[in-house]
Amino acid sequence: MEIQSLIEDIEYLLLEDRIQKLPYDICLKIYKEYLEPRIFYNLYKSIILKKECINMQPNNHITRILPIILSKHLVKKYFYENSLEFKWSYDLHKINKNKLFIHYKNGNSFSCTILHYIYH
């Protein structure tokens, strides 16, 4: 799904009378639990198709988005449950404290591990 299309869908949902009449905290809950994880996941899927990711360059777009993904609990949980390569890489780097690419910084190793699982 194209990011612009997704943004338009979200804007439409937020403009609907039914959503606007809901209390702010419920709107925020809907966004945080259902929309935000999917937005980041769709962005992630579009990023892994870029040439720099296919070539597994260490400072790629995934390296820039991973700290945001890891900082948002529900987004991280969604990735962990829906992306096998993310789950494997997360387990290796964050739980087992190992690095597949030992000469890279942690963030670069984490992103390249994800790409390694995808492309090799």
PDB file of N, CA and C in Angstrom:
ATOM      1  N   MET A   1       0.840  -1.173   0.000  1.00  0.00           N
ATOM      2  CA  MET A   1       0.000   0.000   0.000  1.00  0.00           C
ATOM      3  C   MET A   1       0.888   1.240   0.000  1.00  0.00           C
ATOM      4  N   GLU A   2       0.571   2.185  -0.794  1.00  0.00           N
ATOM      5  CA  GLU A   2       1.326   3.413  -0.909  1.00  0.00           C
ATOM      6  C   GLU A   2       1.113   4.276   0.335  1.00  0.00           C
ATOM      7  N   ILE A   3       2.156   4.929   0.799  1.00  0.00           N
ATOM      8  CA  ILE A   3       2.092   5.729   2.023  1.00  0.00           C
ATOM      9  C   ILE A   3       1.074   6.861   1.886  1.00  0.00           C
ATOM     10  N   GLN A   4       1.081   7.550   0.752  1.00  0.00           N
ATOM     11  CA  GLN A   4       0.137   8.650   0.553  1.00  0.00           C
ATOM     12  C   GLN A   4      -1.306   8.154   0.643  1.00  0.00           C
ATOM     13  N   SER A   5      -1.575   7.006   0.082  1.00  0.00           N
ATOM     14  CA  SER A   5      -2.909   6.419   0.147  1.00  0.00           C
ATOM     15  C   SER A   5      -3.297   6.108   1.591  1.00  0.00           C
ATOM     16  N   LEU A   6      -2.349   5.595   2.343  1.00  0.00           N
ATOM     17  CA  LEU A   6      -2.594   5.280   3.747  1.00  0.00           C
ATOM     18  C   LEU A   6      -2.897   6.552   4.536  1.00  0.00           C
ATOM     19  N   ILE A   7      -2.143   7.598   4.280  1.00  0.00           N
ATOM     20  CA  ILE A   7      -2.362   8.875   4.966  1.00  0.00           C
ATOM     21  C   ILE A   7      -3.742   9.418   4.633  1.00  0.00           C
ATOM     22  N   GLU A   8      -4.144   9.336   3.394  1.00  0.00           N
ATOM     23  CA  GLU A   8      -5.477   9.793   3.002  1.00  0.00           C
ATOM     24  C   GLU A   8      -6.568   8.978   3.692  1.00  0.00           C
ATOM     25  N   ASP A   9      -6.364   7.681   3.816  1.00  0.00           N
ATOM     26  CA  ASP A   9      -7.335   6.837   4.519  1.00  0.00           C
ATOM     27  C   ASP A   9      -7.469   7.251   5.978  1.00  0.00           C
ATOM     28  N   ILE A  10      -6.344   7.537   6.600  1.00  0.00           N
ATOM     29  CA  ILE A  10      -6.358   7.949   8.006  1.00  0.00           C
ATOM     30  C   ILE A  10      -7.057   9.294   8.155  1.00  0.00           C
ATOM     31  N   GLU A  11      -6.733  10.222   7.271  1.00  0.00           N
ATOM     32  CA  GLU A  11      -7.388  11.529   7.320  1.00  0.00           C
ATOM     33  C   GLU A  11      -8.894  11.390   7.155  1.00  0.00           C
ATOM     34  N   TYR A  12      -9.315  10.523   6.286  1.00  0.00           N
ATOM     35  CA  TYR A  12     -10.746  10.296   6.095  1.00  0.00           C
ATOM     36  C   TYR A  12     -11.384   9.764   7.373  1.00  0.00           C
ATOM     37  N   LEU A  13     -10.726   8.796   8.001  1.00  0.00           N
ATOM     38  CA  LEU A  13     -11.262   8.240   9.248  1.00  0.00           C
ATOM     39  C   LEU A  13     -11.374   9.302  10.334  1.00  0.00           C
ATOM     40  N   LEU A  14     -10.361  10.144  10.420  1.00  0.00           N
ATOM     41  CA  LEU A  14     -10.371  11.161  11.454  1.00  0.00           C
ATOM     42  C   LEU A  14     -11.404  12.242  11.192  1.00  0.00           C
ATOM     43  N   LEU A  15     -11.767  12.438   9.944  1.00  0.00           N
ATOM     44  CA  LEU A  15     -12.741  13.459   9.613  1.00  0.00           C
ATOM     45  C   LEU A  15     -14.182  12.964   9.714  1.00  0.00           C
ATOM     46  N   GLU A  16     -14.371  11.685   9.764  1.00  0.00           N
ATOM     47  CA  GLU A  16     -15.720  11.146   9.863  1.00  0.00           C
ATOM     48  C   GLU A  16     -16.380  11.623  11.145  1.00  0.00           C
ATOM     49  N   ASP A  17     -17.669  11.882  11.072  1.00  0.00           N
ATOM     50  CA  ASP A  17     -18.407  12.359  12.233  1.00  0.00           C
ATOM     51  C   ASP A  17     -18.329  11.395  13.405  1.00  0.00           C
ATOM     52  N   ARG A  18     -18.385  10.114  13.126  1.00  0.00           N
ATOM     53  CA  ARG A  18     -18.366   9.137  14.212  1.00  0.00           C
ATOM     54  C   ARG A  18     -17.078   9.218  15.017  1.00  0.00           C
ATOM     55  N   ILE A  19     -15.973   9.400  14.325  1.00  0.00           N
ATOM     56  CA  ILE A  19     -14.693   9.474  15.018  1.00  0.00           C
ATOM     57  C   ILE A  19     -14.564  10.804  15.755  1.00  0.00           C
ATOM     58  N   GLN A  20     -14.980  11.864  15.119  1.00  0.00           N
ATOM     59  CA  GLN A  20     -14.855  13.186  15.731  1.00  0.00           C
ATOM     60  C   GLN A  20     -15.669  13.301  17.014  1.00  0.00           C
ATOM     61  N   LYS A  21     -16.735  12.572  17.109  1.00  0.00           N
ATOM     62  CA  LYS A  21     -17.593  12.655  18.291  1.00  0.00           C
ATOM     63  C   LYS A  21     -17.052  11.842  19.462  1.00  0.00           C
ATOM     64  N   LEU A  22     -16.076  11.009  19.191  1.00  0.00           N
ATOM     65  CA  LEU A  22     -15.483  10.223  20.270  1.00  0.00           C
ATOM     66  C   LEU A  22     -14.595  11.115  21.127  1.00  0.00           C
ATOM     67  N   PRO A  23     -14.462  10.773  22.382  1.00  0.00           N
ATOM     68  CA  PRO A  23     -13.532  11.526  23.236  1.00  0.00           C
ATOM     69  C   PRO A  23     -12.100  11.396  22.716  1.00  0.00           C
ATOM     70  N   TYR A  24     -11.303  12.401  23.016  1.00  0.00           N
ATOM     71  CA  TYR A  24      -9.931  12.453  22.525  1.00  0.00           C
ATOM     72  C   TYR A  24      -9.139  11.211  22.926  1.00  0.00           C
ATOM     73  N   ASP A  25      -9.273  10.762  24.172  1.00  0.00           N
ATOM     74  CA  ASP A  25      -8.486   9.618  24.626  1.00  0.00           C
ATOM     75  C   ASP A  25      -8.831   8.338  23.859  1.00  0.00           C
ATOM     76  N   ILE A  26     -10.066   8.205  23.423  1.00  0.00           N
ATOM     77  CA  ILE A  26     -10.442   7.036  22.628  1.00  0.00           C
ATOM     78  C   ILE A  26      -9.859   7.149  21.219  1.00  0.00           C
ATOM     79  N   CYS A  27      -9.903   8.347  20.641  1.00  0.00           N
ATOM     80  CA  CYS A  27      -9.278   8.567  19.323  1.00  0.00           C
ATOM     81  C   CYS A  27      -7.787   8.260  19.388  1.00  0.00           C
ATOM     82  N   LEU A  28      -7.153   8.711  20.438  1.00  0.00           N
ATOM     83  CA  LEU A  28      -5.721   8.463  20.614  1.00  0.00           C
ATOM     84  C   LEU A  28      -5.443   6.966  20.759  1.00  0.00           C
ATOM     85  N   LYS A  29      -6.281   6.275  21.508  1.00  0.00           N
ATOM     86  CA  LYS A  29      -6.125   4.826  21.686  1.00  0.00           C
ATOM     87  C   LYS A  29      -6.266   4.097  20.351  1.00  0.00           C
ATOM     88  N   ILE A  30      -7.248   4.483  19.544  1.00  0.00           N
ATOM     89  CA  ILE A  30      -7.443   3.883  18.215  1.00  0.00           C
ATOM     90  C   ILE A  30      -6.197   4.101  17.372  1.00  0.00           C
ATOM     91  N   TYR A  31      -5.680   5.327  17.399  1.00  0.00           N
ATOM     92  CA  TYR A  31      -4.483   5.629  16.619  1.00  0.00           C
ATOM     93  C   TYR A  31      -3.290   4.813  17.104  1.00  0.00           C
ATOM     94  N   LYS A  32      -3.022   4.858  18.405  1.00  0.00           N
ATOM     95  CA  LYS A  32      -1.832   4.186  18.955  1.00  0.00           C
ATOM     96  C   LYS A  32      -1.876   2.669  18.789  1.00  0.00           C
ATOM     97  N   GLU A  33      -3.045   2.062  18.961  1.00  0.00           N
ATOM     98  CA  GLU A  33      -3.124   0.606  18.939  1.00  0.00           C
ATOM     99  C   GLU A  33      -3.344   0.013  17.556  1.00  0.00           C
ATOM    100  N   TYR A  34      -3.995   0.749  16.683  1.00  0.00           N
ATOM    101  CA  TYR A  34      -4.367   0.150  15.394  1.00  0.00           C
ATOM    102  C   TYR A  34      -3.743   0.822  14.182  1.00  0.00           C
ATOM    103  N   LEU A  35      -3.633   2.117  14.218  1.00  0.00           N
ATOM    104  CA  LEU A  35      -3.149   2.815  13.032  1.00  0.00           C
ATOM    105  C   LEU A  35      -1.637   3.010  13.022  1.00  0.00           C
ATOM    106  N   GLU A  36      -1.084   3.489  14.114  1.00  0.00           N
ATOM    107  CA  GLU A  36       0.350   3.774  14.155  1.00  0.00           C
ATOM    108  C   GLU A  36       1.215   2.551  13.833  1.00  0.00           C
ATOM    109  N   PRO A  37       0.960   1.383  14.413  1.00  0.00           N
ATOM    110  CA  PRO A  37       1.790   0.222  14.057  1.00  0.00           C
ATOM    111  C   PRO A  37       1.728  -0.114  12.565  1.00  0.00           C
ATOM    112  N   ARG A  38       0.570   0.006  11.969  1.00  0.00           N
ATOM    113  CA  ARG A  38       0.431  -0.303  10.540  1.00  0.00           C
ATOM    114  C   ARG A  38       1.105   0.750   9.668  1.00  0.00           C
ATOM    115  N   ILE A  39       1.061   1.999  10.093  1.00  0.00           N
ATOM    116  CA  ILE A  39       1.738   3.063   9.351  1.00  0.00           C
ATOM    117  C   ILE A  39       3.235   2.775   9.304  1.00  0.00           C
ATOM    118  N   PHE A  40       3.830   2.485  10.469  1.00  0.00           N
ATOM    119  CA  PHE A  40       5.255   2.191  10.515  1.00  0.00           C
ATOM    120  C   PHE A  40       5.600   0.911   9.762  1.00  0.00           C
ATOM    121  N   TYR A  41       4.742  -0.077   9.840  1.00  0.00           N
ATOM    122  CA  TYR A  41       5.001  -1.329   9.139  1.00  0.00           C
ATOM    123  C   TYR A  41       4.975  -1.121   7.618  1.00  0.00           C
ATOM    124  N   ASN A  42       4.024  -0.347   7.129  1.00  0.00           N
ATOM    125  CA  ASN A  42       3.971  -0.058   5.692  1.00  0.00           C
ATOM    126  C   ASN A  42       5.170   0.774   5.248  1.00  0.00           C
ATOM    127  N   LEU A  43       5.595   1.695   6.080  1.00  0.00           N
ATOM    128  CA  LEU A  43       6.792   2.479   5.775  1.00  0.00           C
ATOM    129  C   LEU A  43       8.017   1.567   5.729  1.00  0.00           C
ATOM    130  N   TYR A  44       8.123   0.685   6.691  1.00  0.00           N
ATOM    131  CA  TYR A  44       9.218  -0.281   6.749  1.00  0.00           C
ATOM    132  C   TYR A  44       9.249  -1.153   5.492  1.00  0.00           C
ATOM    133  N   LYS A  45       8.088  -1.643   5.082  1.00  0.00           N
ATOM    134  CA  LYS A  45       8.012  -2.492   3.886  1.00  0.00           C
ATOM    135  C   LYS A  45       8.453  -1.740   2.637  1.00  0.00           C
ATOM    136  N   SER A  46       8.132  -0.453   2.563  1.00  0.00           N
ATOM    137  CA  SER A  46       8.561   0.325   1.390  1.00  0.00           C
ATOM    138  C   SER A  46      10.062   0.616   1.443  1.00  0.00           C
ATOM    139  N   ILE A  47      10.606   0.798   2.641  1.00  0.00           N
ATOM    140  CA  ILE A  47      12.037   1.089   2.792  1.00  0.00           C
ATOM    141  C   ILE A  47      12.894  -0.107   2.413  1.00  0.00           C
ATOM    142  N   ILE A  48      12.489  -1.314   2.779  1.00  0.00           N
ATOM    143  CA  ILE A  48      13.348  -2.479   2.504  1.00  0.00           C
ATOM    144  C   ILE A  48      13.479  -2.769   1.011  1.00  0.00           C
ATOM    145  N   LEU A  49      12.670  -2.132   0.193  1.00  0.00           N
ATOM    146  CA  LEU A  49      12.774  -2.317  -1.254  1.00  0.00           C
ATOM    147  C   LEU A  49      13.743  -1.326  -1.907  1.00  0.00           C
ATOM    148  N   LYS A  50      14.257  -0.382  -1.152  1.00  0.00           N
ATOM    149  CA  LYS A  50      15.187   0.606  -1.696  1.00  0.00           C
ATOM    150  C   LYS A  50      16.539  -0.044  -1.988  1.00  0.00           C
ATOM    151  N   LYS A  51      17.227   0.510  -2.969  1.00  0.00           N
ATOM    152  CA  LYS A  51      18.498  -0.049  -3.439  1.00  0.00           C
ATOM    153  C   LYS A  51      19.528  -0.168  -2.318  1.00  0.00           C
ATOM    154  N   GLU A  52      19.634   0.859  -1.472  1.00  0.00           N
ATOM    155  CA  GLU A  52      20.621   0.818  -0.390  1.00  0.00           C
ATOM    156  C   GLU A  52      20.344  -0.316   0.597  1.00  0.00           C
ATOM    157  N   CYS A  53      19.085  -0.682   0.743  1.00  0.00           N
ATOM    158  CA  CYS A  53      18.748  -1.798   1.637  1.00  0.00           C
ATOM    159  C   CYS A  53      19.029  -3.132   0.955  1.00  0.00           C
ATOM    160  N   ILE A  54      18.697  -3.213  -0.309  1.00  0.00           N
ATOM    161  CA  ILE A  54      18.969  -4.449  -1.056  1.00  0.00           C
ATOM    162  C   ILE A  54      20.474  -4.727  -1.077  1.00  0.00           C
ATOM    163  N   ASN A  55      21.285  -3.655  -1.173  1.00  0.00           N
ATOM    164  CA  ASN A  55      22.744  -3.794  -1.183  1.00  0.00           C
ATOM    165  C   ASN A  55      23.329  -3.902   0.223  1.00  0.00           C
ATOM    166  N   MET A  56      22.459  -3.856   1.242  1.00  0.00           N
ATOM    167  CA  MET A  56      22.847  -3.984   2.649  1.00  0.00           C
ATOM    168  C   MET A  56      23.906  -2.971   3.072  1.00  0.00           C
ATOM    169  N   GLN A  57      23.733  -1.730   2.667  1.00  0.00           N
ATOM    170  CA  GLN A  57      24.634  -0.677   3.111  1.00  0.00           C
ATOM    171  C   GLN A  57      24.372  -0.399   4.589  1.00  0.00           C
ATOM    172  N   PRO A  58      25.426  -0.244   5.391  1.00  0.00           N
ATOM    173  CA  PRO A  58      25.249  -0.147   6.839  1.00  0.00           C
ATOM    174  C   PRO A  58      24.426   1.062   7.301  1.00  0.00           C
ATOM    175  N   ASN A  59      24.554   2.209   6.686  1.00  0.00           N
ATOM    176  CA  ASN A  59      23.804   3.385   7.120  1.00  0.00           C
ATOM    177  C   ASN A  59      22.620   3.582   6.173  1.00  0.00           C
ATOM    178  N   ASN A  60      21.610   2.765   6.323  1.00  0.00           N
ATOM    179  CA  ASN A  60      20.463   2.797   5.419  1.00  0.00           C
ATOM    180  C   ASN A  60      19.249   3.396   6.122  1.00  0.00           C
ATOM    181  N   HIS A  61      18.147   3.496   5.404  1.00  0.00           N
ATOM    182  CA  HIS A  61      16.930   4.091   5.962  1.00  0.00           C
ATOM    183  C   HIS A  61      16.361   3.282   7.128  1.00  0.00           C
ATOM    184  N   ILE A  62      16.542   1.990   7.124  1.00  0.00           N
ATOM    185  CA  ILE A  62      16.034   1.177   8.231  1.00  0.00           C
ATOM    186  C   ILE A  62      16.765   1.554   9.519  1.00  0.00           C
ATOM    187  N   THR A  63      18.061   1.834   9.421  1.00  0.00           N
ATOM    188  CA  THR A  63      18.827   2.243  10.586  1.00  0.00           C
ATOM    189  C   THR A  63      18.233   3.505  11.205  1.00  0.00           C
ATOM    190  N   ARG A  64      17.694   4.370  10.380  1.00  0.00           N
ATOM    191  CA  ARG A  64      17.121   5.630  10.874  1.00  0.00           C
ATOM    192  C   ARG A  64      15.737   5.438  11.489  1.00  0.00           C
ATOM    193  N   ILE A  65      14.986   4.447  11.031  1.00  0.00           N
ATOM    194  CA  ILE A  65      13.623   4.250  11.534  1.00  0.00           C
ATOM    195  C   ILE A  65      13.570   3.273  12.714  1.00  0.00           C
ATOM    196  N   LEU A  66      14.562   2.418  12.865  1.00  0.00           N
ATOM    197  CA  LEU A  66      14.550   1.426  13.946  1.00  0.00           C
ATOM    198  C   LEU A  66      14.465   2.036  15.342  1.00  0.00           C
ATOM    199  N   PRO A  67      15.199   3.109  15.653  1.00  0.00           N
ATOM    200  CA  PRO A  67      15.052   3.683  17.003  1.00  0.00           C
ATOM    201  C   PRO A  67      13.632   4.144  17.306  1.00  0.00           C
ATOM    202  N   ILE A  68      12.930   4.637  16.306  1.00  0.00           N
ATOM    203  CA  ILE A  68      11.542   5.066  16.494  1.00  0.00           C
ATOM    204  C   ILE A  68      10.666   3.841  16.741  1.00  0.00           C
ATOM    205  N   ILE A  69      10.860   2.809  15.946  1.00  0.00           N
ATOM    206  CA  ILE A  69      10.082   1.578  16.109  1.00  0.00           C
ATOM    207  C   ILE A  69      10.306   0.988  17.497  1.00  0.00           C
ATOM    208  N   LEU A  70      11.554   0.944  17.924  1.00  0.00           N
ATOM    209  CA  LEU A  70      11.881   0.345  19.226  1.00  0.00           C
ATOM    210  C   LEU A  70      11.387   1.189  20.398  1.00  0.00           C
ATOM    211  N   SER A  71      11.213   2.480  20.187  1.00  0.00           N
ATOM    212  CA  SER A  71      10.769   3.355  21.278  1.00  0.00           C
ATOM    213  C   SER A  71       9.257   3.320  21.497  1.00  0.00           C
ATOM    214  N   LYS A  72       8.520   2.794  20.538  1.00  0.00           N
ATOM    215  CA  LYS A  72       7.058   2.741  20.630  1.00  0.00           C
ATOM    216  C   LYS A  72       6.643   1.301  20.899  1.00  0.00           C
ATOM    217  N   HIS A  73       6.205   1.044  22.121  1.00  0.00           N
ATOM    218  CA  HIS A  73       5.937  -0.326  22.564  1.00  0.00           C
ATOM    219  C   HIS A  73       4.970  -1.072  21.640  1.00  0.00           C
ATOM    220  N   LEU A  74       3.854  -0.464  21.283  1.00  0.00           N
ATOM    221  CA  LEU A  74       2.860  -1.164  20.465  1.00  0.00           C
ATOM    222  C   LEU A  74       3.342  -1.369  19.028  1.00  0.00           C
ATOM    223  N   VAL A  75       4.145  -0.441  18.539  1.00  0.00           N
ATOM    224  CA  VAL A  75       4.720  -0.592  17.198  1.00  0.00           C
ATOM    225  C   VAL A  75       5.726  -1.737  17.211  1.00  0.00           C
ATOM    226  N   LYS A  76       6.583  -1.749  18.229  1.00  0.00           N
ATOM    227  CA  LYS A  76       7.581  -2.825  18.357  1.00  0.00           C
ATOM    228  C   LYS A  76       6.894  -4.185  18.479  1.00  0.00           C
ATOM    229  N   LYS A  77       5.845  -4.248  19.270  1.00  0.00           N
ATOM    230  CA  LYS A  77       5.099  -5.492  19.438  1.00  0.00           C
ATOM    231  C   LYS A  77       4.492  -5.950  18.110  1.00  0.00           C
ATOM    232  N   TYR A  78       3.938  -5.013  17.350  1.00  0.00           N
ATOM    233  CA  TYR A  78       3.343  -5.341  16.051  1.00  0.00           C
ATOM    234  C   TYR A  78       4.411  -5.904  15.104  1.00  0.00           C
ATOM    235  N   PHE A  79       5.573  -5.281  15.071  1.00  0.00           N
ATOM    236  CA  PHE A  79       6.671  -5.771  14.226  1.00  0.00           C
ATOM    237  C   PHE A  79       7.106  -7.153  14.678  1.00  0.00           C
ATOM    238  N   TYR A  80       7.243  -7.336  15.973  1.00  0.00           N
ATOM    239  CA  TYR A  80       7.692  -8.612  16.514  1.00  0.00           C
ATOM    240  C   TYR A  80       6.741  -9.737  16.134  1.00  0.00           C
ATOM    241  N   GLU A  81       5.456  -9.435  16.106  1.00  0.00           N
ATOM    242  CA  GLU A  81       4.451 -10.444  15.787  1.00  0.00           C
ATOM    243  C   GLU A  81       4.251 -10.646  14.283  1.00  0.00           C
ATOM    244  N   ASN A  82       4.594  -9.657  13.462  1.00  0.00           N
ATOM    245  CA  ASN A  82       4.269  -9.719  12.033  1.00  0.00           C
ATOM    246  C   ASN A  82       5.461  -9.775  11.092  1.00  0.00           C
ATOM    247  N   SER A  83       6.656  -9.633  11.621  1.00  0.00           N
ATOM    248  CA  SER A  83       7.838  -9.645  10.767  1.00  0.00           C
ATOM    249  C   SER A  83       8.852 -10.632  11.336  1.00  0.00           C
ATOM    250  N   LEU A  84       8.982 -11.749  10.672  1.00  0.00           N
ATOM    251  CA  LEU A  84       9.888 -12.794  11.137  1.00  0.00           C
ATOM    252  C   LEU A  84      11.338 -12.309  11.189  1.00  0.00           C
ATOM    253  N   GLU A  85      11.761 -11.559  10.173  1.00  0.00           N
ATOM    254  CA  GLU A  85      13.144 -11.065  10.165  1.00  0.00           C
ATOM    255  C   GLU A  85      13.390 -10.074  11.305  1.00  0.00           C
ATOM    256  N   PHE A  86      12.391  -9.255  11.621  1.00  0.00           N
ATOM    257  CA  PHE A  86      12.515  -8.340  12.756  1.00  0.00           C
ATOM    258  C   PHE A  86      12.611  -9.146  14.059  1.00  0.00           C
ATOM    259  N   LYS A  87      11.769 -10.141  14.209  1.00  0.00           N
ATOM    260  CA  LYS A  87      11.760 -10.974  15.420  1.00  0.00           C
ATOM    261  C   LYS A  87      13.115 -11.650  15.627  1.00  0.00           C
ATOM    262  N   TRP A  88      13.636 -12.261  14.590  1.00  0.00           N
ATOM    263  CA  TRP A  88      14.938 -12.941  14.699  1.00  0.00           C
ATOM    264  C   TRP A  88      16.045 -11.954  15.063  1.00  0.00           C
ATOM    265  N   SER A  89      16.062 -10.827  14.374  1.00  0.00           N
ATOM    266  CA  SER A  89      17.100  -9.820  14.624  1.00  0.00           C
ATOM    267  C   SER A  89      16.964  -9.220  16.014  1.00  0.00           C
ATOM    268  N   TYR A  90      15.741  -8.967  16.432  1.00  0.00           N
ATOM    269  CA  TYR A  90      15.497  -8.411  17.769  1.00  0.00           C
ATOM    270  C   TYR A  90      15.965  -9.402  18.840  1.00  0.00           C
ATOM    271  N   ASP A  91      15.608 -10.664  18.669  1.00  0.00           N
ATOM    272  CA  ASP A  91      16.038 -11.680  19.628  1.00  0.00           C
ATOM    273  C   ASP A  91      17.562 -11.754  19.699  1.00  0.00           C
ATOM    274  N   LEU A  92      18.208 -11.739  18.543  1.00  0.00           N
ATOM    275  CA  LEU A  92      19.665 -11.831  18.488  1.00  0.00           C
ATOM    276  C   LEU A  92      20.327 -10.624  19.145  1.00  0.00           C
ATOM    277  N   HIS A  93      19.898  -9.415  18.783  1.00  0.00           N
ATOM    278  CA  HIS A  93      20.565  -8.196  19.244  1.00  0.00           C
ATOM    279  C   HIS A  93      20.118  -7.715  20.621  1.00  0.00           C
ATOM    280  N   LYS A  94      18.827  -7.712  20.853  1.00  0.00           N
ATOM    281  CA  LYS A  94      18.317  -7.090  22.077  1.00  0.00           C
ATOM    282  C   LYS A  94      18.141  -8.075  23.223  1.00  0.00           C
ATOM    283  N   ILE A  95      17.795  -9.294  22.938  1.00  0.00           N
ATOM    284  CA  ILE A  95      17.566 -10.271  24.008  1.00  0.00           C
ATOM    285  C   ILE A  95      18.842 -11.059  24.309  1.00  0.00           C
ATOM    286  N   ASN A  96      19.473 -11.595  23.262  1.00  0.00           N
ATOM    287  CA  ASN A  96      20.681 -12.406  23.459  1.00  0.00           C
ATOM    288  C   ASN A  96      21.970 -11.590  23.488  1.00  0.00           C
ATOM    289  N   LYS A  97      21.877 -10.299  23.182  1.00  0.00           N
ATOM    290  CA  LYS A  97      23.036  -9.376  23.206  1.00  0.00           C
ATOM    291  C   LYS A  97      24.181  -9.842  22.304  1.00  0.00           C
ATOM    292  N   ASN A  98      23.828 -10.366  21.131  1.00  0.00           N
ATOM    293  CA  ASN A  98      24.817 -10.781  20.134  1.00  0.00           C
ATOM    294  C   ASN A  98      24.689  -9.895  18.906  1.00  0.00           C
ATOM    295  N   LYS A  99      25.748  -9.841  18.121  1.00  0.00           N
ATOM    296  CA  LYS A  99      25.720  -9.094  16.873  1.00  0.00           C
ATOM    297  C   LYS A  99      26.136 -10.019  15.744  1.00  0.00           C
ATOM    298  N   LEU A 100      25.402  -9.964  14.640  1.00  0.00           N
ATOM    299  CA  LEU A 100      25.777 -10.743  13.468  1.00  0.00           C
ATOM    300  C   LEU A 100      26.923 -10.049  12.725  1.00  0.00           C
ATOM    301  N   PHE A 101      26.874  -8.724  12.648  1.00  0.00           N
ATOM    302  CA  PHE A 101      27.904  -7.933  11.982  1.00  0.00           C
ATOM    303  C   PHE A 101      28.737  -7.258  13.066  1.00  0.00           C
ATOM    304  N   ILE A 102      29.794  -7.941  13.511  1.00  0.00           N
ATOM    305  CA  ILE A 102      30.519  -7.511  14.703  1.00  0.00           C
ATOM    306  C   ILE A 102      31.311  -6.221  14.516  1.00  0.00           C
ATOM    307  N   HIS A 103      31.640  -5.842  13.297  1.00  0.00           N
ATOM    308  CA  HIS A 103      32.424  -4.626  13.068  1.00  0.00           C
ATOM    309  C   HIS A 103      31.543  -3.390  12.893  1.00  0.00           C
ATOM    310  N   TYR A 104      30.244  -3.553  12.960  1.00  0.00           N
ATOM    311  CA  TYR A 104      29.306  -2.427  12.834  1.00  0.00           C
ATOM    312  C   TYR A 104      28.837  -1.996  14.217  1.00  0.00           C
ATOM    313  N   LYS A 105      28.382  -0.749  14.284  1.00  0.00           N
ATOM    314  CA  LYS A 105      27.720  -0.287  15.503  1.00  0.00           C
ATOM    315  C   LYS A 105      26.446  -1.110  15.679  1.00  0.00           C
ATOM    316  N   ASN A 106      25.901  -1.106  16.902  1.00  0.00           N
ATOM    317  CA  ASN A 106      24.714  -1.927  17.189  1.00  0.00           C
ATOM    318  C   ASN A 106      23.550  -1.645  16.237  1.00  0.00           C
ATOM    319  N   GLY A 107      23.219  -0.372  16.026  1.00  0.00           N
ATOM    320  CA  GLY A 107      22.098  -0.023  15.154  1.00  0.00           C
ATOM    321  C   GLY A 107      22.306  -0.490  13.726  1.00  0.00           C
ATOM    322  N   ASN A 108      23.525  -0.301  13.215  1.00  0.00           N
ATOM    323  CA  ASN A 108      23.831  -0.747  11.856  1.00  0.00           C
ATOM    324  C   ASN A 108      23.823  -2.269  11.762  1.00  0.00           C
ATOM    325  N   SER A 109      24.322  -2.933  12.781  1.00  0.00           N
ATOM    326  CA  SER A 109      24.312  -4.394  12.780  1.00  0.00           C
ATOM    327  C   SER A 109      22.875  -4.917  12.829  1.00  0.00           C
ATOM    328  N   PHE A 110      22.043  -4.293  13.647  1.00  0.00           N
ATOM    329  CA  PHE A 110      20.638  -4.694  13.759  1.00  0.00           C
ATOM    330  C   PHE A 110      19.933  -4.555  12.408  1.00  0.00           C
ATOM    331  N   SER A 111      20.113  -3.410  11.746  1.00  0.00           N
ATOM    332  CA  SER A 111      19.446  -3.196  10.460  1.00  0.00           C
ATOM    333  C   SER A 111      19.991  -4.133   9.385  1.00  0.00           C
ATOM    334  N   CYS A 112      21.299  -4.328   9.364  1.00  0.00           N
ATOM    335  CA  CYS A 112      21.878  -5.230   8.361  1.00  0.00           C
ATOM    336  C   CYS A 112      21.496  -6.686   8.628  1.00  0.00           C
ATOM    337  N   THR A 113      21.284  -7.052   9.886  1.00  0.00           N
ATOM    338  CA  THR A 113      20.822  -8.401  10.200  1.00  0.00           C
ATOM    339  C   THR A 113      19.423  -8.619   9.641  1.00  0.00           C
ATOM    340  N   ILE A 114      18.564  -7.617   9.807  1.00  0.00           N
ATOM    341  CA  ILE A 114      17.217  -7.701   9.237  1.00  0.00           C
ATOM    342  C   ILE A 114      17.310  -7.894   7.730  1.00  0.00           C
ATOM    343  N   LEU A 115      18.127  -7.072   7.082  1.00  0.00           N
ATOM    344  CA  LEU A 115      18.265  -7.156   5.623  1.00  0.00           C
ATOM    345  C   LEU A 115      18.896  -8.477   5.201  1.00  0.00           C
ATOM    346  N   HIS A 116      19.816  -8.975   6.012  1.00  0.00           N
ATOM    347  CA  HIS A 116      20.447 -10.270   5.719  1.00  0.00           C
ATOM    348  C   HIS A 116      19.387 -11.383   5.705  1.00  0.00           C
ATOM    349  N   TYR A 117      18.507 -11.373   6.694  1.00  0.00           N
ATOM    350  CA  TYR A 117      17.439 -12.379   6.743  1.00  0.00           C
ATOM    351  C   TYR A 117      16.485 -12.250   5.560  1.00  0.00           C
ATOM    352  N   ILE A 118      16.274 -11.029   5.090  1.00  0.00           N
ATOM    353  CA  ILE A 118      15.353 -10.806   3.968  1.00  0.00           C
ATOM    354  C   ILE A 118      15.982 -11.227   2.642  1.00  0.00           C
ATOM    355  N   TYR A 119      17.222 -10.826   2.409  1.00  0.00           N
ATOM    356  CA  TYR A 119      17.812 -10.953   1.070  1.00  0.00           C
ATOM    357  C   TYR A 119      18.813 -12.087   0.894  1.00  0.00           C
ATOM    358  N   HIS A 120      19.144 -12.806   1.941  1.00  0.00           N
ATOM    359  CA  HIS A 120      20.130 -13.897   1.777  1.00  0.00           C
ATOM    360  C   HIS A 120      19.644 -15.192   2.351  1.00  0.00           C
TER     361      HIS A 120
END
